[in-house]
N, C-alpha and C. Protein backbone atom coordinates (compact mmCIF):
# COMPACT_ATOMS: atom_id res chain seq x y z
N MET A 1 0.81 -1.20 0.02
CA MET A 1 0.00 0.01 -0.01
C MET A 1 0.87 1.22 -0.01
N LYS A 2 0.27 2.39 -0.42
CA LYS A 2 1.12 3.52 -0.57
C LYS A 2 0.64 4.69 0.36
N ILE A 3 1.64 5.41 0.84
CA ILE A 3 1.44 6.57 1.62
C ILE A 3 2.25 7.74 1.12
N ARG A 4 1.79 8.97 1.37
CA ARG A 4 2.52 10.16 0.96
C ARG A 4 3.01 10.87 2.16
N LEU A 5 4.29 11.11 2.25
CA LEU A 5 4.91 11.81 3.35
C LEU A 5 4.51 13.25 3.42
N ILE A 6 4.13 13.79 4.52
CA ILE A 6 3.66 15.17 4.60
C ILE A 6 4.63 16.07 5.53
N ARG A 7 5.74 15.50 5.93
CA ARG A 7 6.74 16.24 6.74
C ARG A 7 8.07 16.29 5.98
N ASP A 8 8.85 17.23 6.34
CA ASP A 8 10.17 17.29 5.70
C ASP A 8 11.27 17.04 6.66
N ASP A 9 10.96 16.48 7.78
CA ASP A 9 12.03 16.27 8.82
C ASP A 9 12.13 14.72 9.17
N LEU A 10 11.75 13.87 8.25
CA LEU A 10 11.78 12.45 8.49
C LEU A 10 13.05 11.85 7.93
N ASN A 11 13.80 11.24 8.83
CA ASN A 11 15.05 10.56 8.41
C ASN A 11 14.70 9.27 7.63
N ALA A 12 15.52 8.95 6.67
CA ALA A 12 15.41 7.64 6.00
C ALA A 12 16.54 6.75 6.49
N PRO A 13 16.33 5.53 6.60
CA PRO A 13 17.38 4.62 7.06
C PRO A 13 18.57 4.68 6.11
N PRO A 14 19.79 4.61 6.75
CA PRO A 14 21.03 4.61 5.92
C PRO A 14 20.96 3.53 4.87
N GLY A 15 21.38 3.85 3.65
CA GLY A 15 21.44 2.84 2.53
C GLY A 15 20.10 2.86 1.73
N THR A 16 19.09 3.62 2.17
CA THR A 16 17.84 3.66 1.40
C THR A 16 18.11 4.30 0.03
N GLN A 17 17.52 3.67 -0.99
CA GLN A 17 17.69 4.15 -2.34
C GLN A 17 16.31 4.46 -2.84
N HIS A 18 15.98 5.72 -3.15
CA HIS A 18 14.64 6.11 -3.59
C HIS A 18 14.81 7.50 -4.19
N ASP A 19 13.90 7.79 -5.10
CA ASP A 19 13.94 9.15 -5.76
C ASP A 19 13.60 10.25 -4.78
N GLY A 20 12.85 9.96 -3.74
CA GLY A 20 12.36 11.01 -2.88
C GLY A 20 13.27 11.27 -1.69
N LEU A 21 14.58 11.20 -1.86
CA LEU A 21 15.54 11.43 -0.76
C LEU A 21 16.38 12.65 -1.02
N GLU A 22 16.85 13.19 0.12
CA GLU A 22 17.79 14.33 0.07
C GLU A 22 18.83 14.00 1.12
N ILE A 23 20.10 14.30 0.71
CA ILE A 23 21.22 14.11 1.63
C ILE A 23 21.50 15.47 2.28
N ARG A 24 21.49 15.49 3.60
CA ARG A 24 21.73 16.72 4.31
C ARG A 24 23.03 16.60 5.07
N ALA A 25 23.34 17.59 5.91
CA ALA A 25 24.53 17.67 6.69
C ALA A 25 24.96 16.35 7.22
N GLY A 26 26.20 15.99 7.12
CA GLY A 26 26.70 14.76 7.73
C GLY A 26 26.29 13.52 6.94
N GLY A 27 25.77 13.71 5.72
CA GLY A 27 25.35 12.55 4.94
C GLY A 27 24.06 11.92 5.37
N VAL A 28 23.26 12.64 6.23
CA VAL A 28 22.04 12.03 6.74
C VAL A 28 20.98 12.14 5.66
N LEU A 29 20.24 11.02 5.48
CA LEU A 29 19.18 10.95 4.47
C LEU A 29 17.85 11.41 5.06
N PHE A 30 17.16 12.23 4.28
CA PHE A 30 15.82 12.68 4.76
C PHE A 30 14.89 12.48 3.54
N TRP A 31 13.62 12.07 3.87
CA TRP A 31 12.61 11.87 2.88
C TRP A 31 12.16 13.28 2.53
N LEU A 32 11.77 13.52 1.28
CA LEU A 32 11.27 14.74 0.76
C LEU A 32 9.73 14.74 1.02
N ARG A 33 9.18 15.86 1.42
CA ARG A 33 7.73 15.99 1.60
C ARG A 33 7.10 15.70 0.23
N GLY A 34 6.00 14.87 0.29
CA GLY A 34 5.28 14.58 -0.96
C GLY A 34 5.72 13.30 -1.56
N THR A 35 6.77 12.68 -1.03
CA THR A 35 7.25 11.41 -1.58
C THR A 35 6.26 10.32 -1.27
N VAL A 36 5.96 9.50 -2.20
CA VAL A 36 5.05 8.36 -2.03
C VAL A 36 5.92 7.09 -1.93
N ILE A 37 5.61 6.37 -0.80
CA ILE A 37 6.38 5.10 -0.59
C ILE A 37 5.46 3.99 -0.33
N ASP A 38 5.93 2.77 -0.61
CA ASP A 38 5.20 1.54 -0.36
C ASP A 38 5.51 1.07 1.10
N VAL A 39 4.52 0.73 1.86
CA VAL A 39 4.74 0.25 3.21
C VAL A 39 3.73 -0.89 3.47
N GLU A 40 4.01 -1.63 4.49
CA GLU A 40 3.12 -2.65 4.98
C GLU A 40 1.97 -1.98 5.82
N LYS A 41 0.97 -2.76 6.15
CA LYS A 41 -0.15 -2.26 6.84
C LYS A 41 0.21 -1.49 8.12
N ARG A 42 1.03 -2.14 8.96
CA ARG A 42 1.41 -1.51 10.24
C ARG A 42 2.18 -0.21 10.03
N GLY A 43 3.05 -0.21 9.02
CA GLY A 43 3.79 1.03 8.70
C GLY A 43 2.81 2.16 8.29
N ALA A 44 1.82 1.85 7.51
CA ALA A 44 0.85 2.83 7.11
C ALA A 44 0.11 3.38 8.31
N GLN A 45 -0.39 2.52 9.20
CA GLN A 45 -1.07 2.86 10.38
C GLN A 45 -0.29 3.81 11.27
N LEU A 46 1.03 3.41 11.46
CA LEU A 46 1.88 4.22 12.37
C LEU A 46 2.23 5.58 11.75
N LEU A 47 2.68 5.57 10.49
CA LEU A 47 3.09 6.84 9.87
C LEU A 47 1.96 7.82 9.63
N VAL A 48 0.75 7.29 9.30
CA VAL A 48 -0.39 8.17 9.11
C VAL A 48 -0.91 8.55 10.51
N GLY A 49 -0.95 7.64 11.42
CA GLY A 49 -1.45 7.95 12.78
C GLY A 49 -0.59 8.99 13.50
N ASN A 50 0.69 8.97 13.27
CA ASN A 50 1.66 9.91 13.90
C ASN A 50 1.68 11.23 13.16
N GLY A 51 0.99 11.43 12.08
CA GLY A 51 1.00 12.71 11.36
C GLY A 51 2.26 12.86 10.47
N ASP A 52 2.87 11.74 10.10
CA ASP A 52 4.01 11.80 9.20
C ASP A 52 3.58 11.67 7.73
N ALA A 53 2.42 11.09 7.52
CA ALA A 53 2.00 10.73 6.13
C ALA A 53 0.46 10.71 6.06
N GLU A 54 0.02 10.60 4.80
CA GLU A 54 -1.38 10.40 4.55
C GLU A 54 -1.56 9.32 3.52
N PRO A 55 -2.66 8.61 3.56
CA PRO A 55 -2.86 7.56 2.61
C PRO A 55 -2.73 8.07 1.14
N ALA A 56 -2.08 7.22 0.30
CA ALA A 56 -1.96 7.59 -1.10
C ALA A 56 -2.66 6.62 -2.03
N ASP A 57 -3.32 5.63 -1.48
CA ASP A 57 -4.14 4.73 -2.34
C ASP A 57 -5.30 4.18 -1.46
N ASP A 58 -6.22 3.58 -2.13
CA ASP A 58 -7.43 3.08 -1.47
C ASP A 58 -7.12 2.08 -0.36
N GLU A 59 -6.08 1.25 -0.62
CA GLU A 59 -5.73 0.19 0.36
C GLU A 59 -5.26 0.84 1.69
N ALA A 60 -4.41 1.86 1.59
CA ALA A 60 -3.98 2.61 2.78
C ALA A 60 -5.08 3.40 3.44
N GLU A 61 -5.96 3.93 2.64
CA GLU A 61 -7.09 4.58 3.15
C GLU A 61 -7.97 3.68 3.97
N ALA A 62 -8.12 2.47 3.57
CA ALA A 62 -8.89 1.50 4.26
C ALA A 62 -8.38 1.06 5.61
N VAL A 63 -7.05 1.02 5.70
CA VAL A 63 -6.40 0.61 7.01
C VAL A 63 -6.21 1.74 7.98
N CYS A 64 -6.40 3.02 7.51
CA CYS A 64 -6.15 4.17 8.28
C CYS A 64 -7.47 4.89 8.53
N VAL A 65 -8.48 4.11 8.88
CA VAL A 65 -9.84 4.65 9.09
C VAL A 65 -9.84 5.77 10.14
N GLY A 66 -10.51 6.85 9.78
CA GLY A 66 -10.64 7.97 10.67
C GLY A 66 -9.51 8.95 10.73
N TRP A 67 -8.52 8.75 9.89
CA TRP A 67 -7.30 9.62 10.00
C TRP A 67 -7.59 11.06 9.74
N ARG A 68 -8.54 11.35 8.87
CA ARG A 68 -8.84 12.77 8.60
C ARG A 68 -9.45 13.48 9.81
N ASP A 69 -10.26 12.73 10.61
CA ASP A 69 -10.85 13.31 11.78
C ASP A 69 -9.85 13.66 12.84
N LYS A 70 -8.79 12.98 12.87
CA LYS A 70 -7.72 13.17 13.91
C LYS A 70 -6.62 14.04 13.46
N ARG A 71 -6.49 14.33 12.17
CA ARG A 71 -5.34 14.94 11.51
C ARG A 71 -4.95 16.28 12.23
N ASP A 72 -5.89 17.20 12.39
CA ASP A 72 -5.53 18.53 12.94
C ASP A 72 -4.96 18.41 14.34
N ARG A 73 -5.58 17.53 15.16
CA ARG A 73 -5.08 17.37 16.56
C ARG A 73 -3.70 16.72 16.56
N VAL A 74 -3.51 15.72 15.69
CA VAL A 74 -2.19 15.04 15.58
C VAL A 74 -1.08 16.00 15.15
N LEU A 75 -1.37 16.82 14.09
CA LEU A 75 -0.37 17.71 13.62
C LEU A 75 -0.07 18.82 14.67
N LEU A 76 -1.03 19.29 15.38
CA LEU A 76 -0.81 20.25 16.45
C LEU A 76 0.02 19.66 17.52
N ALA A 77 -0.28 18.45 17.91
CA ALA A 77 0.53 17.75 18.96
C ALA A 77 2.00 17.63 18.46
N ARG A 78 2.16 17.20 17.22
CA ARG A 78 3.51 17.10 16.67
C ARG A 78 4.29 18.44 16.74
N GLU A 79 3.56 19.50 16.34
CA GLU A 79 4.22 20.83 16.40
C GLU A 79 4.62 21.16 17.81
N MET A 80 3.72 20.92 18.77
CA MET A 80 4.06 21.31 20.15
C MET A 80 5.23 20.46 20.64
N LEU A 81 5.31 19.16 20.26
CA LEU A 81 6.39 18.31 20.61
C LEU A 81 7.71 18.84 20.02
N ALA A 82 7.66 19.20 18.71
CA ALA A 82 8.86 19.70 18.04
C ALA A 82 9.36 20.99 18.65
N LYS A 83 8.44 21.81 19.12
CA LYS A 83 8.84 23.09 19.69
C LYS A 83 9.15 22.99 21.18
N GLY A 84 9.03 21.80 21.78
CA GLY A 84 9.31 21.59 23.20
C GLY A 84 8.34 22.30 24.08
N ILE A 85 7.10 22.42 23.73
CA ILE A 85 6.10 23.08 24.49
C ILE A 85 5.80 22.25 25.75
N GLU A 86 5.95 22.86 26.91
CA GLU A 86 5.74 22.11 28.18
C GLU A 86 4.25 21.81 28.36
N PRO A 87 3.95 20.74 28.99
CA PRO A 87 2.49 20.35 29.18
C PRO A 87 1.65 21.49 29.81
N GLU A 88 2.17 22.22 30.73
CA GLU A 88 1.42 23.32 31.38
C GLU A 88 1.15 24.51 30.46
N ASP A 89 1.87 24.59 29.31
CA ASP A 89 1.81 25.68 28.39
C ASP A 89 1.02 25.30 27.11
N ARG A 90 0.62 24.07 27.00
CA ARG A 90 -0.02 23.60 25.72
C ARG A 90 -1.35 24.29 25.43
N GLU A 91 -2.14 24.59 26.42
CA GLU A 91 -3.36 25.22 26.16
C GLU A 91 -3.13 26.64 25.65
N ALA A 92 -2.19 27.34 26.25
CA ALA A 92 -1.81 28.72 25.81
C ALA A 92 -1.29 28.61 24.35
N PHE A 93 -0.58 27.61 23.96
CA PHE A 93 -0.07 27.44 22.61
C PHE A 93 -1.23 27.21 21.68
N ARG A 94 -2.20 26.28 22.09
CA ARG A 94 -3.39 26.00 21.22
C ARG A 94 -4.17 27.30 21.01
N GLN A 95 -4.26 28.18 21.99
CA GLN A 95 -5.09 29.35 21.90
C GLN A 95 -4.36 30.54 21.23
N GLY A 96 -3.08 30.31 20.87
CA GLY A 96 -2.28 31.42 20.23
C GLY A 96 -1.79 32.45 21.22
N VAL A 97 -1.80 32.13 22.48
CA VAL A 97 -1.31 33.09 23.50
C VAL A 97 0.20 33.09 23.47
N MET A 98 0.83 31.98 23.12
CA MET A 98 2.30 31.88 22.95
C MET A 98 2.59 31.04 21.74
N VAL A 99 3.76 31.22 21.22
CA VAL A 99 4.16 30.51 19.96
C VAL A 99 5.42 29.62 20.20
N GLY A 100 5.98 29.69 21.37
CA GLY A 100 7.16 28.95 21.69
C GLY A 100 7.96 29.61 22.81
N TYR A 101 9.22 29.32 22.92
CA TYR A 101 10.08 29.88 23.96
C TYR A 101 11.29 30.56 23.38
N ASP A 102 11.73 31.62 24.03
CA ASP A 102 12.95 32.25 23.58
C ASP A 102 14.16 31.54 24.18
N ASP A 103 15.34 32.09 23.91
CA ASP A 103 16.56 31.43 24.35
C ASP A 103 16.74 31.31 25.86
N ASN A 104 15.98 32.12 26.61
CA ASN A 104 15.93 32.04 28.02
C ASN A 104 14.90 31.13 28.61
N GLY A 105 14.09 30.53 27.75
CA GLY A 105 13.04 29.67 28.12
C GLY A 105 11.72 30.40 28.50
N ASP A 106 11.70 31.69 28.22
CA ASP A 106 10.44 32.43 28.49
C ASP A 106 9.54 32.32 27.29
N PRO A 107 8.21 32.31 27.52
CA PRO A 107 7.24 32.24 26.43
C PRO A 107 7.30 33.38 25.46
N ILE A 108 7.28 33.07 24.20
CA ILE A 108 7.21 34.08 23.14
C ILE A 108 5.70 34.37 22.91
N PRO A 109 5.27 35.61 23.12
CA PRO A 109 3.84 35.95 22.94
C PRO A 109 3.34 35.60 21.50
N GLY A 110 2.16 35.10 21.46
CA GLY A 110 1.51 34.77 20.16
C GLY A 110 0.52 35.84 19.72
N PRO A 111 -0.17 35.60 18.68
CA PRO A 111 -1.13 36.63 18.18
C PRO A 111 -2.27 36.93 19.18
N ASN A 112 -2.56 36.03 20.02
CA ASN A 112 -3.67 36.29 21.02
C ASN A 112 -3.23 36.61 22.38
N ALA A 113 -1.93 36.91 22.52
CA ALA A 113 -1.34 37.20 23.86
C ALA A 113 -1.98 38.44 24.49
N GLU A 114 -2.20 39.48 23.71
CA GLU A 114 -2.78 40.71 24.26
C GLU A 114 -4.22 40.47 24.66
N ARG A 115 -5.00 39.74 23.89
CA ARG A 115 -6.39 39.41 24.26
C ARG A 115 -6.43 38.64 25.49
N ALA A 116 -5.53 37.71 25.72
CA ALA A 116 -5.47 36.93 26.94
C ALA A 116 -5.15 37.70 28.20
N SER A 117 -4.23 38.69 28.03
CA SER A 117 -3.93 39.52 29.18
C SER A 117 -5.05 40.48 29.46
N ASP A 118 -5.80 40.90 28.41
CA ASP A 118 -7.01 41.81 28.66
C ASP A 118 -8.03 41.00 29.40
N ASP A 119 -8.24 39.71 29.05
CA ASP A 119 -9.18 38.85 29.77
C ASP A 119 -8.82 38.71 31.24
N GLU A 120 -7.53 38.55 31.53
CA GLU A 120 -7.08 38.40 32.89
C GLU A 120 -7.37 39.65 33.69
N VAL A 121 -7.21 40.85 33.10
CA VAL A 121 -7.45 42.10 33.78
C VAL A 121 -8.92 42.29 34.00
N SER A 122 -9.76 41.99 32.98
CA SER A 122 -11.22 42.18 33.16
C SER A 122 -11.88 41.06 33.93
N GLY A 123 -11.19 39.85 34.06
CA GLY A 123 -11.83 38.72 34.72
C GLY A 123 -11.60 38.84 36.13
């Protein structure tokens, strides 16, 4: 079955030979976003379920039931993980109150930070 990769930060195993690869610093192989690969059932379920890929054929679609319904939550969770958002700050991140942390570990205000502080003052 076939899946299409939707991330550009996925390492490929050393020795992989495929058109959808890029060699980066240190000779590390990365899959290119949009690359379609053949995988077994469990691989499709894991990669689609983790937000790394989407089904690219009917067979993969059939084994990844409900993936569209979960996609936005999964991708947001992946983004928070990649940015190192602490559990206690995840709701603020979801609401756009913060977008990450600066070099000192302090929250970087997001587009809704001002509205959130107005709510605190009026609440």
